[in-house]
Each structure stands twice: as structure tokens, then as C-alpha cells.
Amino acid sequence: QVQLVESGGGTVQAGGSLRLSCAASGRTFTIYAMGWFRQAPGKEREFVAAISWSGGSTAYADAVKGRFTISRDNAKSPVYLRMNSLKPEDTAVYYCAAGGSIGVVTAGQGYWGQGTQVTVHS
């Protein structure tokens, strides 16, 4: 099993920034990519961003391109999601995800964290 723990959520004004972190533990040798999803009230969970285990490849949803950056310092560090120019529509519970490839992660398969709330006030 793989355990994912998110941190860094909170409340911010529109135009502000937040950085989320996700730390993986357990059978991490089975993971080749990690990412973030979000779920707003009354909506389905949607893909936000993903990164390969080495950090060399990334993928983003169109809604966050140019505003959000997914990164990690090295293969043993947490995965970060830097969120800039936040909008009220970014308000959601953000979930960390991990799986065997970026494709697996973007498909919503694999492991999930418990989620962290991000609230953006206008």
C-alpha cells in the first residue's frame, strides 16, 4: 500500500497564492507518477496536474495552465502544487494522487490522499 498525506490548504483572497504538498510513504517503489485532483461542491472530481516520479514530465488541466505549477525537488521529496492567481472557482477539496504512470494518474486510478480544502474568496 501507498499512503499519501496532503498539507498546505487554506483560505485566500482572489489573486492570492497557496502551495500544497503531498508526501508519499509505504510501497513507493510502485509509484511512477503523482498528481493532484480537485472536487468542488456538487461537482465531479477533476484532474488538475501530474508529474512523473523523476519530475521530468508534467501535465496540466487547461483550467490551471499558466497559473499552477507542479514540481518536486528530487525523487524522495514531496510533490508540490504552487497555485498562483487563484480564483473563486478554484475553491475545492484538493486530493493528491499516485500511480504507475502519468496516464494512470490522469485517469484517476491508483492511490488517493484524504484531501485538503482550498477556499478562495472574491
C-alpha atoms as a PDB file:
ATOM      1  CA  GLN A   1       0.000   0.000   0.000  1.00  0.00           C
ATOM      2  CA  VAL A   2       0.925   3.620  -0.503  1.00  0.00           C
ATOM      3  CA  GLN A   3      -0.058   6.401   1.869  1.00  0.00           C
ATOM      4  CA  LEU A   4      -0.420   9.995   0.666  1.00  0.00           C
ATOM      5  CA  VAL A   5      -0.636  12.934   3.052  1.00  0.00           C
ATOM      6  CA  GLU A   6      -1.541  16.411   1.804  1.00  0.00           C
ATOM      7  CA  SER A   7      -0.901  19.718   3.536  1.00  0.00           C
ATOM      8  CA  GLY A   8      -0.959  23.420   2.738  1.00  0.00           C
ATOM      9  CA  GLY A   9      -4.628  24.099   2.094  1.00  0.00           C
ATOM     10  CA  GLY A  10      -6.330  27.177   3.463  1.00  0.00           C
ATOM     11  CA  THR A  11      -8.285  30.310   2.690  1.00  0.00           C
ATOM     12  CA  VAL A  12      -7.029  33.074   0.453  1.00  0.00           C
ATOM     13  CA  GLN A  13      -8.344  36.114  -1.383  1.00  0.00           C
ATOM     14  CA  ALA A  14      -8.763  36.031  -5.148  1.00  0.00           C
ATOM     15  CA  GLY A  15      -5.457  36.723  -6.830  1.00  0.00           C
ATOM     16  CA  GLY A  16      -3.513  35.169  -3.985  1.00  0.00           C
ATOM     17  CA  SER A  17      -1.304  32.107  -3.858  1.00  0.00           C
ATOM     18  CA  LEU A  18      -1.048  28.835  -1.968  1.00  0.00           C
ATOM     19  CA  ARG A  19       1.316  25.872  -2.083  1.00  0.00           C
ATOM     20  CA  LEU A  20       0.080  22.359  -1.459  1.00  0.00           C
ATOM     21  CA  SER A  21       2.384  19.491  -0.512  1.00  0.00           C
ATOM     22  CA  CYS A  22       1.919  15.756  -0.793  1.00  0.00           C
ATOM     23  CA  ALA A  23       4.205  13.249   0.888  1.00  0.00           C
ATOM     24  CA  ALA A  24       4.159   9.587  -0.111  1.00  0.00           C
ATOM     25  CA  SER A  25       5.139   6.651   2.098  1.00  0.00           C
ATOM     26  CA  GLY A  26       4.848   2.876   2.066  1.00  0.00           C
ATOM     27  CA  ARG A  27       5.414   0.935  -1.157  1.00  0.00           C
ATOM     28  CA  THR A  28       6.594   3.992  -3.071  1.00  0.00           C
ATOM     29  CA  PHE A  29       8.669   1.797  -5.411  1.00  0.00           C
ATOM     30  CA  THR A  30       5.350   1.011  -7.149  1.00  0.00           C
ATOM     31  CA  ILE A  31       4.756   4.700  -7.979  1.00  0.00           C
ATOM     32  CA  TYR A  32       5.977   6.295 -11.190  1.00  0.00           C
ATOM     33  CA  ALA A  33       3.860   9.457 -11.150  1.00  0.00           C
ATOM     34  CA  MET A  34       1.934  11.682  -8.781  1.00  0.00           C
ATOM     35  CA  GLY A  35      -0.629  14.381  -9.257  1.00  0.00           C
ATOM     36  CA  TRP A  36      -3.478  16.492  -7.987  1.00  0.00           C
ATOM     37  CA  PHE A  37      -7.222  16.397  -8.471  1.00  0.00           C
ATOM     38  CA  ARG A  38      -9.891  18.655  -7.044  1.00  0.00           C
ATOM     39  CA  GLN A  39     -13.571  18.371  -6.244  1.00  0.00           C
ATOM     40  CA  ALA A  40     -15.829  21.367  -5.782  1.00  0.00           C
ATOM     41  CA  PRO A  41     -19.200  21.079  -4.008  1.00  0.00           C
ATOM     42  CA  GLY A  42     -21.757  19.429  -6.264  1.00  0.00           C
ATOM     43  CA  LYS A  43     -19.209  18.654  -8.964  1.00  0.00           C
ATOM     44  CA  GLU A  44     -17.213  15.623 -10.033  1.00  0.00           C
ATOM     45  CA  ARG A  45     -13.590  15.214  -9.109  1.00  0.00           C
ATOM     46  CA  GLU A  46     -11.392  16.646 -11.865  1.00  0.00           C
ATOM     47  CA  PHE A  47      -7.768  16.335 -12.852  1.00  0.00           C
ATOM     48  CA  VAL A  48      -5.509  19.302 -12.085  1.00  0.00           C
ATOM     49  CA  ALA A  49      -1.868  18.339 -12.691  1.00  0.00           C
ATOM     50  CA  ALA A  50       0.526  15.388 -12.731  1.00  0.00           C
ATOM     51  CA  ILE A  51       4.270  14.839 -12.636  1.00  0.00           C
ATOM     52  CA  SER A  52       6.483  11.849 -13.316  1.00  0.00           C
ATOM     53  CA  TRP A  53       8.424  10.373 -10.399  1.00  0.00           C
ATOM     54  CA  SER A  54      11.662  11.931 -11.667  1.00  0.00           C
ATOM     55  CA  GLY A  55       9.970  15.279 -12.212  1.00  0.00           C
ATOM     56  CA  GLY A  56      10.925  15.315 -15.875  1.00  0.00           C
ATOM     57  CA  SER A  57       7.385  15.203 -17.280  1.00  0.00           C
ATOM     58  CA  THR A  58       4.316  17.174 -16.291  1.00  0.00           C
ATOM     59  CA  ALA A  59       0.697  17.532 -17.397  1.00  0.00           C
ATOM     60  CA  TYR A  60      -1.920  20.163 -16.593  1.00  0.00           C
ATOM     61  CA  ALA A  61      -5.616  20.736 -16.994  1.00  0.00           C
ATOM     62  CA  ASP A  62      -6.408  23.641 -19.297  1.00  0.00           C
ATOM     63  CA  ALA A  63      -8.172  25.480 -16.463  1.00  0.00           C
ATOM     64  CA  VAL A  64      -4.941  25.835 -14.476  1.00  0.00           C
ATOM     65  CA  LYS A  65      -2.240  26.120 -17.159  1.00  0.00           C
ATOM     66  CA  GLY A  66      -0.098  29.162 -16.598  1.00  0.00           C
ATOM     67  CA  ARG A  67      -1.326  29.607 -13.012  1.00  0.00           C
ATOM     68  CA  PHE A  68      -0.462  26.328 -11.267  1.00  0.00           C
ATOM     69  CA  THR A  69       2.904  24.569 -11.202  1.00  0.00           C
ATOM     70  CA  ILE A  70       3.510  21.006 -10.079  1.00  0.00           C
ATOM     71  CA  SER A  71       7.036  20.165  -9.005  1.00  0.00           C
ATOM     72  CA  ARG A  72       9.308  18.150  -6.784  1.00  0.00           C
ATOM     73  CA  ASP A  73      12.921  18.696  -5.765  1.00  0.00           C
ATOM     74  CA  ASN A  74      14.003  15.058  -6.096  1.00  0.00           C
ATOM     75  CA  ALA A  75      12.572  11.536  -6.116  1.00  0.00           C
ATOM     76  CA  LYS A  76      12.419  11.474  -2.315  1.00  0.00           C
ATOM     77  CA  SER A  77      10.856  14.892  -1.792  1.00  0.00           C
ATOM     78  CA  PRO A  78       7.158  15.713  -1.524  1.00  0.00           C
ATOM     79  CA  VAL A  79       5.256  16.781  -4.608  1.00  0.00           C
ATOM     80  CA  TYR A  80       4.208  20.416  -4.571  1.00  0.00           C
ATOM     81  CA  LEU A  81       1.402  22.298  -6.284  1.00  0.00           C
ATOM     82  CA  ARG A  82       2.082  26.002  -6.429  1.00  0.00           C
ATOM     83  CA  MET A  83      -1.171  27.849  -7.144  1.00  0.00           C
ATOM     84  CA  ASN A  84      -0.971  31.487  -8.248  1.00  0.00           C
ATOM     85  CA  SER A  85      -3.624  33.963  -9.354  1.00  0.00           C
ATOM     86  CA  LEU A  86      -6.256  31.955  -7.526  1.00  0.00           C
ATOM     87  CA  LYS A  87      -9.884  32.437  -8.491  1.00  0.00           C
ATOM     88  CA  PRO A  88     -13.088  31.702  -6.554  1.00  0.00           C
ATOM     89  CA  GLU A  89     -13.758  28.856  -8.977  1.00  0.00           C
ATOM     90  CA  ASP A  90     -10.571  27.170  -7.738  1.00  0.00           C
ATOM     91  CA  THR A  91     -12.340  26.564  -4.433  1.00  0.00           C
ATOM     92  CA  ALA A  92     -12.408  22.803  -3.852  1.00  0.00           C
ATOM     93  CA  VAL A  93     -11.018  19.930  -1.876  1.00  0.00           C
ATOM     94  CA  TYR A  94      -7.667  19.088  -3.456  1.00  0.00           C
ATOM     95  CA  TYR A  95      -6.592  15.443  -3.489  1.00  0.00           C
ATOM     96  CA  CYS A  96      -3.154  14.028  -4.030  1.00  0.00           C
ATOM     97  CA  ALA A  97      -2.966  11.007  -6.328  1.00  0.00           C
ATOM     98  CA  ALA A  98      -0.250   8.499  -7.227  1.00  0.00           C
ATOM     99  CA  GLY A  99       0.052   5.654  -9.697  1.00  0.00           C
ATOM    100  CA  GLY A 100       2.168   3.675 -12.097  1.00  0.00           C
ATOM    101  CA  SER A 101       2.337   6.382 -14.801  1.00  0.00           C
ATOM    102  CA  ILE A 102       1.114   9.887 -15.645  1.00  0.00           C
ATOM    103  CA  GLY A 103      -1.597   8.201 -17.714  1.00  0.00           C
ATOM    104  CA  VAL A 104      -2.766   6.169 -14.735  1.00  0.00           C
ATOM    105  CA  VAL A 105      -2.812   9.255 -12.534  1.00  0.00           C
ATOM    106  CA  THR A 106      -4.672  11.457 -15.024  1.00  0.00           C
ATOM    107  CA  ALA A 107      -7.229   8.670 -15.449  1.00  0.00           C
ATOM    108  CA  GLY A 108      -7.983   8.885 -11.747  1.00  0.00           C
ATOM    109  CA  GLN A 109      -6.678   5.425 -10.975  1.00  0.00           C
ATOM    110  CA  GLY A 110      -4.203   4.422  -8.269  1.00  0.00           C
ATOM    111  CA  TYR A 111      -3.831   5.807  -4.751  1.00  0.00           C
ATOM    112  CA  TRP A 112      -5.532   8.805  -3.125  1.00  0.00           C
ATOM    113  CA  GLY A 113      -4.868  11.092  -0.208  1.00  0.00           C
ATOM    114  CA  GLN A 114      -7.537  12.358   2.183  1.00  0.00           C
ATOM    115  CA  GLY A 115      -7.742  15.810   0.633  1.00  0.00           C
ATOM    116  CA  THR A 116      -7.108  19.363   1.770  1.00  0.00           C
ATOM    117  CA  GLN A 117      -9.550  22.265   1.495  1.00  0.00           C
ATOM    118  CA  VAL A 118      -8.719  25.324  -0.594  1.00  0.00           C
ATOM    119  CA  THR A 119     -11.112  28.268  -0.365  1.00  0.00           C
ATOM    120  CA  VAL A 120     -10.736  31.387  -2.497  1.00  0.00           C
ATOM    121  CA  HIS A 121     -12.821  34.412  -1.570  1.00  0.00           C
ATOM    122  CA  SER A 122     -13.711  37.075  -4.115  1.00  0.00           C
END
